[in-house]
Amino acid sequence: MKIFISYRRDDTAGRAGRLFDQLVARFGARNVFQDVAAIAPGTDFPQQVADAIAQSDAALVVIGSDWLDMRGSDGTRRLDELDDYVRREVNAALAAGVRVVPVLVDRAELPAPADLPEELRPLTTRQAVALRDATWHQDVDGLVRRLEGEYLIESRRRGPGRRGLAVATAAVALIAAGVGGWIWLGDDDTDGDDSSDDELTGCPTPDSSWPDIEVANGSPAVEQHGPTTFAYTVRAFNYQLRTPDPAEVIVRVELANETAPVADPVADSIYYSGANFDTLFVDGISQNKPVCFSIVSGDKNLETGERAIALVGFESTEDPTNARLALRTTGGLEVGINGGN
């Protein structure tokens, strides 16, 4: 599943950043693209945007209280300018035929058709979603579940294959656009598994019958996601040999939110879930995605300076006894590496 998020920096940068963090926690840093964090110097930004829309399955248009009436230095409303990047993004998404969802934040309301340029008026016929500060995480979770459900239905209806030339052609209108703010989310899984992290069961708590594997490097491993800093510390590896599969491995991981305080109070929290983790390596062999996740200390909604300890579990096809173990985050960081033999 690929999602394109359009927002206007001067209107919703703080909340768009918070949404970015939560999507990273749910889907992984390598599957989330944010212009300010992921575009290398010298990259053709308009072409990157065009490519992203051409490959997207859904587009979220984040609308704040100033989205409609934001004006340039000459007093002209930005949406009335043909080269306004938000206008180009929304127009391209509508023309491409992808699912377009208006996302209302900061008590904003959906604009009236008469207040929009003609090519953007179909936006007002799309069902909007409101993200409220007081219930932010629950609202984002609901949005994600809705998108995943609609994507699964649409995928089954379309069958295999990707969108053709029409989508790419519709996105070409963006090539001349100016630099804007956007986030790119994609799921590169090829196994057809569209399950969300909320479907992971809770992990069993290891007891004395679960052998403990020493962690060689117990110091924090730091990972940067836009404005947010994750600091992972693996406290323990435990495993249980069983039949017919050799083992179930449970990793105890502490995650700290070390983000520096920011002016916008809604932009400095993270969501701790099984989606933070990509796989477990046993002697270099990937053990696929997590099969369980549970918080054992702290809260999964981490504000700046807070930390939580969780259990994340994997079904291992390899015997972890005397093996080299490494837990990899969805940002590509290997943490809690033990030496093995």
Protein backbone atom coordinates (compact mmCIF):
# COMPACT_ATOMS: atom_id res chain seq x y z
CA MET A 1 0.00 0.00 0.00
CA LYS A 2 1.33 3.42 -0.96
CA ILE A 3 0.04 6.66 0.52
CA PHE A 4 0.85 10.21 -0.53
CA ILE A 5 0.29 12.98 2.03
CA SER A 6 -0.02 16.58 0.94
CA TYR A 7 0.15 19.46 3.42
CA ARG A 8 0.98 23.14 3.47
CA ARG A 9 3.98 23.83 5.74
CA ASP A 10 2.81 27.23 6.94
CA ASP A 11 -0.57 25.74 7.84
CA THR A 12 -0.04 22.27 9.33
CA ALA A 13 3.70 21.51 9.59
CA GLY A 14 3.53 20.51 13.27
CA ARG A 15 0.59 18.15 12.90
CA ALA A 16 1.88 16.77 9.61
CA GLY A 17 5.14 16.00 11.41
CA ARG A 18 3.26 14.21 14.16
CA LEU A 19 1.33 12.21 11.58
CA PHE A 20 4.65 11.37 9.91
CA ASP A 21 6.03 10.03 13.20
CA GLN A 22 3.01 7.84 13.81
CA LEU A 23 3.08 6.46 10.28
CA VAL A 24 6.80 5.69 10.68
CA ALA A 25 6.03 3.81 13.89
CA ARG A 26 3.26 1.86 12.18
CA PHE A 27 4.86 1.14 8.81
CA GLY A 28 8.62 1.73 9.19
CA ALA A 29 11.02 4.51 8.30
CA ARG A 30 12.14 2.95 5.04
CA ASN A 31 8.49 2.98 3.92
CA VAL A 32 7.86 6.63 4.83
CA PHE A 33 9.11 9.56 2.80
CA GLN A 34 9.22 13.15 4.03
CA ASP A 35 10.73 15.88 1.91
CA VAL A 36 12.73 17.61 4.63
CA ALA A 37 14.15 14.34 5.98
CA ALA A 38 14.57 12.06 2.99
CA ILE A 39 15.40 14.07 -0.15
CA ALA A 40 19.13 14.26 -0.72
CA PRO A 41 20.70 17.59 -1.75
CA GLY A 42 20.60 18.08 -5.49
CA THR A 43 17.61 15.75 -6.00
CA ASP A 44 14.92 16.81 -8.49
CA PHE A 45 12.14 17.46 -5.97
CA PRO A 46 9.25 17.99 -8.45
CA GLN A 47 10.13 14.74 -10.19
CA GLN A 48 10.19 12.93 -6.85
CA VAL A 49 6.68 14.22 -6.13
CA ALA A 50 5.46 13.22 -9.59
CA ASP A 51 6.87 9.72 -9.16
CA ALA A 52 5.28 9.36 -5.72
CA ILE A 53 1.80 10.31 -6.91
CA ALA A 54 2.16 8.07 -9.96
CA GLN A 55 2.69 5.08 -7.65
CA SER A 56 0.24 5.96 -4.88
CA ASP A 57 -2.89 4.07 -3.90
CA ALA A 58 -4.32 6.88 -1.77
CA ALA A 59 -3.68 10.57 -1.17
CA LEU A 60 -4.31 12.31 2.14
CA VAL A 61 -4.82 16.06 1.88
CA VAL A 62 -4.12 17.60 5.29
CA ILE A 63 -6.26 20.73 5.72
CA GLY A 64 -5.72 23.13 8.61
CA SER A 65 -7.50 26.31 9.61
CA ASP A 66 -5.39 28.45 7.20
CA TRP A 67 -5.18 25.96 4.29
CA LEU A 68 -7.86 27.70 2.22
CA ASP A 69 -6.92 31.34 2.72
CA MET A 70 -3.13 31.24 2.99
CA ARG A 71 -1.72 34.14 0.92
CA GLY A 72 1.59 35.05 -0.65
CA SER A 73 3.60 38.23 -0.14
CA ASP A 74 1.57 40.04 -2.81
CA GLY A 75 -1.72 39.22 -1.11
CA THR A 76 -2.83 36.65 -3.70
CA ARG A 77 -4.41 33.54 -2.29
CA ARG A 78 -1.98 30.68 -2.90
CA LEU A 79 -4.64 28.25 -4.13
CA ASP A 80 -5.46 30.74 -6.90
CA GLU A 81 -1.89 30.56 -8.23
CA LEU A 82 -1.43 28.02 -11.02
CA ASP A 83 2.04 27.03 -9.79
CA ASP A 84 1.02 26.57 -6.13
CA TYR A 85 2.45 23.19 -5.12
CA VAL A 86 -0.58 22.19 -3.00
CA ARG A 87 -2.94 22.96 -5.86
CA ARG A 88 -0.76 20.88 -8.20
CA GLU A 89 -0.52 17.95 -5.78
CA VAL A 90 -4.27 17.76 -5.15
CA ASN A 91 -5.11 18.23 -8.82
CA ALA A 92 -2.69 15.47 -9.84
CA ALA A 93 -4.07 13.07 -7.23
CA LEU A 94 -7.66 13.72 -8.32
CA ALA A 95 -6.74 13.35 -11.98
CA ALA A 96 -4.85 10.11 -11.32
CA GLY A 97 -7.95 8.47 -9.92
CA VAL A 98 -6.35 7.48 -6.61
CA ARG A 99 -8.39 7.51 -3.43
CA VAL A 100 -8.28 11.09 -2.09
CA VAL A 101 -9.12 11.70 1.58
CA PRO A 102 -9.38 15.21 3.06
CA VAL A 103 -7.84 15.10 6.57
CA LEU A 104 -9.08 17.96 8.76
CA VAL A 105 -6.88 19.18 11.64
CA ASP A 106 -6.86 22.20 13.96
CA ARG A 107 -10.69 22.39 13.92
CA ALA A 108 -10.71 23.03 10.17
CA GLU A 109 -13.80 22.43 8.05
CA LEU A 110 -14.05 21.07 4.52
CA PRO A 111 -14.07 24.02 2.06
CA ALA A 112 -17.19 24.79 0.04
CA PRO A 113 -16.94 24.04 -3.70
CA ALA A 114 -17.27 27.72 -4.59
CA ASP A 115 -14.18 28.53 -2.52
CA LEU A 116 -11.89 26.24 -4.56
CA PRO A 117 -10.42 26.42 -8.08
CA GLU A 118 -12.64 24.45 -10.42
CA GLU A 119 -10.30 21.47 -10.83
CA LEU A 120 -10.12 21.02 -7.03
CA ARG A 121 -13.87 21.04 -6.41
CA PRO A 122 -14.19 17.22 -6.55
CA LEU A 123 -12.24 17.26 -3.27
CA THR A 124 -15.40 18.45 -1.50
CA THR A 125 -17.30 15.29 -2.52
CA ARG A 126 -14.80 12.98 -0.79
CA GLN A 127 -15.52 11.76 2.73
CA ALA A 128 -13.32 13.72 5.14
CA VAL A 129 -11.61 12.49 8.32
CA ALA A 130 -10.97 14.71 11.36
CA LEU A 131 -7.84 14.28 13.49
CA ARG A 132 -8.33 15.96 16.88
CA ASP A 133 -5.47 16.78 19.24
CA ALA A 134 -7.24 15.29 22.26
CA THR A 135 -7.79 11.91 20.56
CA TRP A 136 -4.97 12.04 18.02
CA HIS A 137 -3.65 8.48 18.26
CA GLN A 138 -7.11 6.91 18.22
CA ASP A 139 -8.13 9.05 15.23
CA VAL A 140 -4.98 8.16 13.27
CA ASP A 141 -5.44 4.48 14.11
CA GLY A 142 -8.99 4.68 12.74
CA LEU A 143 -7.76 6.38 9.58
CA VAL A 144 -5.08 3.73 9.02
CA ARG A 145 -7.52 0.86 9.54
CA ARG A 146 -9.96 2.45 7.10
CA LEU A 147 -7.29 2.90 4.44
CA GLU A 148 -6.02 -0.66 4.91
CA GLY A 149 -9.54 -2.07 4.61
CA GLU A 150 -10.37 -0.04 1.51
CA TYR A 151 -7.01 -0.90 -0.04
CA LEU A 152 -7.56 -4.61 0.50
CA ILE A 153 -11.01 -4.46 -1.10
CA GLU A 154 -9.70 -2.42 -4.03
CA SER A 155 -6.71 -4.76 -4.52
CA ARG A 156 -8.98 -7.78 -4.70
CA ARG A 157 -11.23 -5.99 -7.18
CA ARG A 158 -8.34 -4.91 -9.43
CA GLY A 159 -6.42 -8.15 -9.18
CA PRO A 160 -2.62 -8.25 -9.60
CA GLY A 161 -0.68 -5.53 -11.34
CA ARG A 162 -0.05 -1.83 -10.92
CA ARG A 163 -1.76 1.20 -12.37
CA GLY A 164 -0.80 1.95 -15.90
CA LEU A 165 0.20 4.94 -17.97
CA ALA A 166 -2.85 7.02 -17.01
CA VAL A 167 -1.61 7.47 -13.44
CA ALA A 168 1.90 8.40 -14.50
CA THR A 169 0.54 10.85 -17.06
CA ALA A 170 -1.72 12.51 -14.49
CA ALA A 171 1.24 13.05 -12.18
CA VAL A 172 3.38 14.75 -14.83
CA ALA A 173 1.56 18.01 -14.06
CA LEU A 174 3.61 18.18 -10.89
CA ILE A 175 6.98 18.26 -12.62
CA ALA A 176 7.02 22.05 -12.85
CA ALA A 177 5.78 22.52 -9.28
CA GLY A 178 7.76 24.36 -6.62
CA VAL A 179 9.17 22.74 -3.48
CA GLY A 180 6.42 21.65 -1.11
CA GLY A 181 5.82 19.60 1.98
CA TRP A 182 4.81 15.97 1.54
CA ILE A 183 5.19 12.53 3.05
CA TRP A 184 5.46 9.27 1.12
CA LEU A 185 4.41 5.97 2.67
CA GLY A 186 4.68 2.62 0.92
CA ASP A 187 4.47 -1.02 1.92
CA ASP A 188 6.97 -3.06 -0.05
CA ASP A 189 5.71 -6.43 1.22
CA THR A 190 5.02 -8.85 -1.60
CA ASP A 191 3.25 -11.54 0.39
CA GLY A 192 -0.13 -9.82 0.30
CA ASP A 193 -0.22 -9.39 4.07
CA ASP A 194 -2.11 -6.18 4.82
CA SER A 195 -2.66 -6.85 8.51
CA SER A 196 -2.19 -3.93 10.88
CA ASP A 197 -0.13 -3.91 14.05
CA ASP A 198 -3.33 -3.83 16.10
CA GLU A 199 -3.88 -7.46 15.07
CA LEU A 200 -0.67 -8.66 16.78
CA THR A 201 -1.33 -10.71 19.89
CA GLY A 202 0.35 -9.98 23.20
CA CYS A 203 3.64 -11.77 23.79
CA PRO A 204 4.03 -14.35 26.58
CA THR A 205 6.22 -13.16 29.43
CA PRO A 206 9.36 -15.35 29.59
CA ASP A 207 9.90 -17.15 32.86
CA SER A 208 12.69 -19.33 34.22
CA SER A 209 11.92 -22.01 31.63
CA TRP A 210 12.95 -19.66 28.84
CA PRO A 211 16.76 -19.60 28.43
CA ASP A 212 18.26 -16.13 28.43
CA ILE A 213 20.68 -15.07 25.69
CA GLU A 214 23.24 -12.47 26.72
CA VAL A 215 23.09 -9.13 24.93
CA ALA A 216 26.58 -8.09 23.86
CA ASN A 217 25.86 -4.41 23.25
CA GLY A 218 23.29 -3.17 25.72
CA SER A 219 23.86 0.53 24.99
CA PRO A 220 21.15 2.49 23.18
CA ALA A 221 21.05 2.52 19.39
CA VAL A 222 19.75 5.85 18.08
CA GLU A 223 17.52 6.28 15.04
CA GLN A 224 16.32 9.61 13.64
CA HIS A 225 12.87 9.97 12.06
CA GLY A 226 12.30 13.54 10.92
CA PRO A 227 12.03 15.60 14.11
CA THR A 228 11.85 12.50 16.34
CA THR A 229 14.75 10.57 17.88
CA PHE A 230 14.22 6.92 18.84
CA ALA A 231 16.73 5.31 21.25
CA TYR A 232 16.42 1.53 21.39
CA THR A 233 18.00 -0.63 24.10
CA VAL A 234 17.62 -4.42 24.02
CA ARG A 235 17.39 -5.72 27.59
CA ALA A 236 17.22 -9.43 26.88
CA PHE A 237 16.70 -12.19 24.33
CA ASN A 238 14.73 -15.20 25.58
CA TYR A 239 13.65 -18.24 23.65
CA GLN A 240 11.66 -21.42 23.95
CA LEU A 241 12.37 -24.47 21.80
CA ARG A 242 9.26 -26.25 20.64
CA THR A 243 7.86 -28.66 18.06
CA PRO A 244 7.42 -28.54 15.11
CA ASP A 245 9.08 -25.13 14.87
CA PRO A 246 12.47 -24.88 16.62
CA ALA A 247 11.89 -21.78 18.71
CA GLU A 248 9.89 -18.77 19.75
CA VAL A 249 12.17 -15.82 20.50
CA ILE A 250 10.99 -12.97 22.72
CA VAL A 251 13.02 -9.76 22.80
CA ARG A 252 12.66 -7.24 25.64
CA VAL A 253 13.25 -3.79 24.16
CA GLU A 254 13.26 -0.37 25.79
CA LEU A 255 12.41 2.56 23.52
CA ALA A 256 13.07 6.13 24.64
CA ASN A 257 11.75 9.27 22.96
CA GLU A 258 14.69 11.68 23.02
CA THR A 259 13.13 14.35 20.83
CA ALA A 260 14.13 17.89 21.74
CA PRO A 261 11.12 19.92 22.91
CA VAL A 262 9.45 21.82 20.08
CA ALA A 263 7.16 24.82 19.97
CA ASP A 264 4.17 22.80 18.75
CA PRO A 265 3.08 20.47 21.59
CA VAL A 266 1.43 18.00 19.19
CA ALA A 267 4.65 17.27 17.27
CA ASP A 268 6.81 15.60 19.91
CA SER A 269 5.09 12.28 20.64
CA ILE A 270 5.62 8.84 19.14
CA TYR A 271 3.58 5.66 18.96
CA TYR A 272 5.42 2.51 20.13
CA SER A 273 4.19 -0.66 18.44
CA GLY A 274 5.27 -3.88 16.76
CA ALA A 275 5.54 -1.88 13.54
CA ASN A 276 8.79 -0.41 14.89
CA PHE A 277 10.49 -3.72 14.14
CA ASP A 278 11.24 -5.31 10.79
CA THR A 279 12.73 -8.71 11.57
CA LEU A 280 14.97 -10.82 13.78
CA PHE A 281 18.16 -12.31 12.31
CA VAL A 282 19.38 -15.66 13.62
CA ASP A 283 22.88 -16.28 12.25
CA GLY A 284 22.05 -13.87 9.44
CA ILE A 285 18.75 -15.53 8.46
CA SER A 286 15.66 -13.33 8.64
CA GLN A 287 12.81 -14.69 10.77
CA ASN A 288 10.16 -12.57 9.03
CA LYS A 289 7.83 -10.09 10.74
CA PRO A 290 6.95 -9.97 14.45
CA VAL A 291 4.15 -12.30 15.56
CA CYS A 292 3.41 -10.65 18.90
CA PHE A 293 3.90 -7.34 20.71
CA SER A 294 3.01 -6.04 24.15
CA ILE A 295 3.95 -3.13 26.38
CA VAL A 296 5.17 -4.25 29.82
CA SER A 297 6.28 -0.91 31.26
CA GLY A 298 5.33 2.66 30.34
CA ASP A 299 2.87 3.75 27.68
CA LYS A 300 2.88 3.20 23.93
CA ASN A 301 2.19 6.92 23.36
CA LEU A 302 5.59 8.36 24.31
CA GLU A 303 6.00 12.08 24.84
CA THR A 304 9.43 13.74 24.81
CA GLY A 305 11.68 12.28 27.51
CA GLU A 306 9.47 9.25 28.18
CA ARG A 307 10.39 5.59 27.70
CA ALA A 308 8.62 2.25 27.60
CA ILE A 309 9.67 -1.40 27.67
CA ALA A 310 7.97 -3.86 25.36
CA LEU A 311 8.15 -7.50 24.34
CA VAL A 312 8.32 -8.30 20.63
CA GLY A 313 8.25 -11.91 19.51
CA PHE A 314 9.25 -13.94 16.45
CA GLU A 315 8.71 -17.50 15.34
CA SER A 316 12.20 -18.71 14.51
CA THR A 317 12.91 -21.35 11.91
CA GLU A 318 16.49 -21.52 13.24
CA ASP A 319 17.71 -22.70 16.63
CA PRO A 320 18.86 -19.56 18.49
CA THR A 321 21.02 -21.55 20.91
CA ASN A 322 24.59 -20.26 20.55
CA ALA A 323 23.51 -18.28 17.47
CA ARG A 324 24.26 -14.68 16.56
CA LEU A 325 21.07 -12.65 17.06
CA ALA A 326 20.29 -9.18 15.75
CA LEU A 327 16.99 -7.30 15.94
CA ARG A 328 16.39 -4.94 13.02
CA THR A 329 14.08 -1.95 13.21
CA THR A 330 11.97 -0.87 10.27
CA GLY A 331 14.41 2.02 9.90
CA GLY A 332 17.13 -0.51 9.04
CA LEU A 333 18.96 -0.19 12.37
CA GLU A 334 20.34 -3.40 13.92
CA VAL A 335 20.04 -3.35 17.71
CA GLY A 336 20.77 -5.73 20.55
CA ILE A 337 23.36 -7.73 18.66
CA ASN A 338 24.83 -10.65 20.55
CA GLY A 339 28.04 -12.28 19.44
CA GLY A 340 27.00 -15.91 19.17
CA ASN A 341 29.84 -18.32 18.45
